[in-house]
Amino acid sequence: ISNIHHFDRTVIFGHTPFRDLMFHLPYKIGIDTGLVFGNKLSCIDLTENRVLQVEKGARKVSVSSFEKKQATK
C-alpha cells in the first residue's frame, strides 16, 4: 500500500480498510472504509467528482465533493 507505482493511471482499490478514504494522488485511492468493522460503505463517482458514503445500519447516503474529501487528507 505504501509503495509508489509507476503506472500512467491512478489505481483505485479496496479490501484494505481505512478509517476514511485514503488519497495518495496521483498514485492511488483506497475506498475501503471498513463497513465490515462497523464503519461505513464508500464509493467515489469520478464522473461527477463526488464521494458517496453510508454509515453501517443507516439508510441515508451522504454525498460530498471529491475535492473536499481529498483536501482533508
N, C-alpha and C. Protein backbone atom coordinates (compact mmCIF):
# COMPACT_ATOMS: atom_id res chain seq x y z
N ILE A 1 0.83 -1.19 0.00
CA ILE A 1 0.00 0.00 0.00
C ILE A 1 0.87 1.25 0.00
N SER A 2 1.95 1.24 0.74
CA SER A 2 2.77 2.45 0.85
C SER A 2 3.73 2.65 -0.33
N ASN A 3 3.89 1.63 -1.17
CA ASN A 3 4.80 1.77 -2.31
C ASN A 3 4.21 2.65 -3.40
N ILE A 4 5.06 3.44 -4.02
CA ILE A 4 4.64 4.26 -5.15
C ILE A 4 4.81 3.43 -6.41
N HIS A 5 3.79 3.42 -7.26
CA HIS A 5 3.89 2.68 -8.52
C HIS A 5 4.20 3.66 -9.64
N HIS A 6 4.50 3.14 -10.78
CA HIS A 6 4.84 3.99 -11.92
C HIS A 6 3.94 3.70 -13.11
N PHE A 7 2.63 3.47 -12.84
CA PHE A 7 1.66 3.31 -13.90
C PHE A 7 1.29 4.70 -14.40
N ASP A 8 0.68 4.77 -15.56
CA ASP A 8 0.25 6.08 -16.06
C ASP A 8 -1.19 6.40 -15.67
N ARG A 9 -1.71 5.69 -14.68
CA ARG A 9 -3.08 5.89 -14.20
C ARG A 9 -3.10 5.83 -12.67
N THR A 10 -4.14 6.41 -12.10
CA THR A 10 -4.36 6.29 -10.66
C THR A 10 -5.04 4.96 -10.38
N VAL A 11 -4.55 4.21 -9.42
CA VAL A 11 -5.13 2.93 -9.03
C VAL A 11 -6.15 3.18 -7.92
N ILE A 12 -7.36 2.67 -8.10
CA ILE A 12 -8.41 2.76 -7.09
C ILE A 12 -8.62 1.35 -6.57
N PHE A 13 -8.51 1.17 -5.25
CA PHE A 13 -8.52 -0.18 -4.70
C PHE A 13 -9.35 -0.26 -3.43
N GLY A 14 -9.70 -1.50 -3.08
CA GLY A 14 -10.41 -1.80 -1.84
C GLY A 14 -9.75 -2.99 -1.17
N HIS A 15 -10.46 -3.60 -0.24
CA HIS A 15 -10.01 -4.78 0.50
C HIS A 15 -8.83 -4.50 1.43
N THR A 16 -8.56 -3.23 1.67
CA THR A 16 -7.60 -2.81 2.69
C THR A 16 -8.28 -1.66 3.43
N PRO A 17 -8.93 -1.94 4.57
CA PRO A 17 -9.76 -0.91 5.20
C PRO A 17 -8.96 0.23 5.84
N PHE A 18 -9.52 1.42 5.67
CA PHE A 18 -9.03 2.64 6.31
C PHE A 18 -10.21 3.28 7.03
N ARG A 19 -9.93 4.16 7.95
CA ARG A 19 -11.00 4.85 8.68
C ARG A 19 -11.79 5.77 7.74
N ASP A 20 -11.10 6.36 6.78
CA ASP A 20 -11.75 7.19 5.77
C ASP A 20 -11.03 6.94 4.45
N LEU A 21 -11.50 7.51 3.39
CA LEU A 21 -10.85 7.32 2.09
C LEU A 21 -9.37 7.66 2.20
N MET A 22 -8.54 6.89 1.50
CA MET A 22 -7.10 7.10 1.52
C MET A 22 -6.69 7.69 0.18
N PHE A 23 -6.16 8.90 0.21
CA PHE A 23 -5.70 9.56 -1.01
C PHE A 23 -4.18 9.61 -1.01
N HIS A 24 -3.59 9.11 -2.06
CA HIS A 24 -2.15 9.22 -2.28
C HIS A 24 -1.98 9.53 -3.76
N LEU A 25 -2.48 10.72 -4.12
CA LEU A 25 -2.50 11.11 -5.53
C LEU A 25 -1.14 11.61 -5.98
N PRO A 26 -0.77 11.35 -7.20
CA PRO A 26 -1.58 10.82 -8.29
C PRO A 26 -1.53 9.31 -8.39
N TYR A 27 -1.06 8.64 -7.36
CA TYR A 27 -0.79 7.21 -7.45
C TYR A 27 -1.98 6.31 -7.13
N LYS A 28 -2.69 6.59 -6.03
CA LYS A 28 -3.74 5.64 -5.64
C LYS A 28 -4.79 6.28 -4.73
N ILE A 29 -5.95 5.62 -4.71
CA ILE A 29 -7.06 5.99 -3.83
C ILE A 29 -7.61 4.71 -3.23
N GLY A 30 -7.65 4.64 -1.90
CA GLY A 30 -8.23 3.50 -1.20
C GLY A 30 -9.66 3.82 -0.80
N ILE A 31 -10.61 2.97 -1.22
CA ILE A 31 -12.02 3.27 -0.96
C ILE A 31 -12.67 2.33 0.06
N ASP A 32 -11.92 1.41 0.64
CA ASP A 32 -12.49 0.50 1.65
C ASP A 32 -12.46 1.23 2.99
N THR A 33 -13.64 1.62 3.47
CA THR A 33 -13.73 2.36 4.73
C THR A 33 -14.31 1.50 5.85
N GLY A 34 -14.13 0.20 5.75
CA GLY A 34 -14.37 -0.70 6.86
C GLY A 34 -15.79 -0.95 7.29
N LEU A 35 -16.72 -1.06 6.36
CA LEU A 35 -18.11 -1.37 6.72
C LEU A 35 -18.18 -2.64 7.56
N VAL A 36 -17.42 -3.64 7.20
CA VAL A 36 -17.45 -4.92 7.92
C VAL A 36 -17.01 -4.76 9.38
N PHE A 37 -16.26 -3.70 9.68
CA PHE A 37 -15.81 -3.44 11.05
C PHE A 37 -16.65 -2.38 11.75
N GLY A 38 -17.81 -2.05 11.17
CA GLY A 38 -18.72 -1.11 11.81
C GLY A 38 -18.58 0.33 11.35
N ASN A 39 -17.79 0.58 10.37
CA ASN A 39 -17.58 1.96 9.92
C ASN A 39 -18.59 2.31 8.83
N LYS A 40 -18.19 2.52 7.60
CA LYS A 40 -19.11 2.93 6.55
C LYS A 40 -18.75 2.32 5.21
N LEU A 41 -19.70 2.35 4.30
CA LEU A 41 -19.52 1.91 2.92
C LEU A 41 -19.27 3.15 2.08
N SER A 42 -18.24 3.11 1.26
CA SER A 42 -17.88 4.29 0.47
C SER A 42 -17.69 3.94 -0.99
N CYS A 43 -17.98 4.92 -1.83
CA CYS A 43 -17.65 4.81 -3.25
C CYS A 43 -17.34 6.21 -3.76
N ILE A 44 -16.64 6.26 -4.87
CA ILE A 44 -16.36 7.55 -5.49
C ILE A 44 -16.93 7.54 -6.90
N ASP A 45 -17.49 8.66 -7.27
CA ASP A 45 -18.03 8.86 -8.62
C ASP A 45 -17.10 9.85 -9.31
N LEU A 46 -16.20 9.33 -10.12
CA LEU A 46 -15.21 10.19 -10.76
C LEU A 46 -15.80 11.05 -11.86
N THR A 47 -16.94 10.63 -12.43
CA THR A 47 -17.57 11.43 -13.49
C THR A 47 -18.19 12.70 -12.93
N GLU A 48 -18.63 12.65 -11.67
CA GLU A 48 -19.25 13.81 -11.03
C GLU A 48 -18.38 14.39 -9.91
N ASN A 49 -17.18 13.82 -9.73
CA ASN A 49 -16.26 14.27 -8.67
C ASN A 49 -16.91 14.32 -7.30
N ARG A 50 -17.51 13.19 -6.92
CA ARG A 50 -18.17 13.16 -5.61
C ARG A 50 -17.90 11.84 -4.89
N VAL A 51 -18.07 11.89 -3.58
CA VAL A 51 -17.91 10.74 -2.70
C VAL A 51 -19.27 10.44 -2.11
N LEU A 52 -19.67 9.16 -2.14
CA LEU A 52 -20.93 8.74 -1.54
C LEU A 52 -20.60 7.77 -0.42
N GLN A 53 -21.22 7.98 0.76
CA GLN A 53 -20.94 7.12 1.91
C GLN A 53 -22.22 6.86 2.69
N VAL A 54 -22.28 5.64 3.25
CA VAL A 54 -23.40 5.23 4.11
C VAL A 54 -22.81 4.63 5.37
N GLU A 55 -23.21 5.14 6.52
CA GLU A 55 -22.78 4.57 7.79
C GLU A 55 -23.43 3.20 7.98
N LYS A 56 -22.76 2.30 8.66
CA LYS A 56 -23.32 0.97 8.91
C LYS A 56 -24.66 1.11 9.62
N GLY A 57 -25.67 0.44 9.11
CA GLY A 57 -27.01 0.46 9.70
C GLY A 57 -27.85 1.65 9.29
N ALA A 58 -27.28 2.59 8.57
CA ALA A 58 -28.03 3.78 8.15
C ALA A 58 -28.68 3.55 6.79
N ARG A 59 -29.62 4.41 6.46
CA ARG A 59 -30.26 4.35 5.15
C ARG A 59 -29.99 5.60 4.34
N LYS A 60 -29.41 6.60 4.97
CA LYS A 60 -29.16 7.87 4.28
C LYS A 60 -27.75 7.88 3.70
N VAL A 61 -27.67 8.27 2.43
CA VAL A 61 -26.38 8.39 1.75
C VAL A 61 -25.89 9.82 1.90
N SER A 62 -24.67 9.97 2.38
CA SER A 62 -24.08 11.31 2.42
C SER A 62 -23.24 11.49 1.17
N VAL A 63 -23.34 12.67 0.59
CA VAL A 63 -22.63 12.99 -0.64
C VAL A 63 -21.77 14.21 -0.38
N SER A 64 -20.52 14.13 -0.76
CA SER A 64 -19.62 15.28 -0.65
C SER A 64 -18.75 15.35 -1.89
N SER A 65 -18.10 16.47 -2.06
CA SER A 65 -17.25 16.61 -3.24
C SER A 65 -15.96 15.83 -3.06
N PHE A 66 -15.49 15.27 -4.13
CA PHE A 66 -14.24 14.52 -4.15
C PHE A 66 -13.10 15.43 -3.70
N GLU A 67 -13.08 16.66 -4.19
CA GLU A 67 -12.03 17.60 -3.85
C GLU A 67 -12.03 17.93 -2.36
N LYS A 68 -13.22 18.07 -1.77
CA LYS A 68 -13.31 18.38 -0.34
C LYS A 68 -12.75 17.23 0.49
N LYS A 69 -13.10 15.99 0.16
CA LYS A 69 -12.57 14.82 0.88
C LYS A 69 -11.05 14.74 0.71
N GLN A 70 -10.60 15.00 -0.49
CA GLN A 70 -9.17 14.93 -0.78
C GLN A 70 -8.41 16.00 0.01
N ALA A 71 -8.97 17.17 0.15
CA ALA A 71 -8.31 18.27 0.86
C ALA A 71 -8.15 17.99 2.34
N THR A 72 -9.00 17.13 2.91
CA THR A 72 -8.91 16.84 4.34
C THR A 72 -7.87 15.78 4.64
N LYS A 73 -7.24 15.22 3.63
CA LYS A 73 -6.25 14.16 3.83
C LYS A 73 -4.85 14.71 3.85
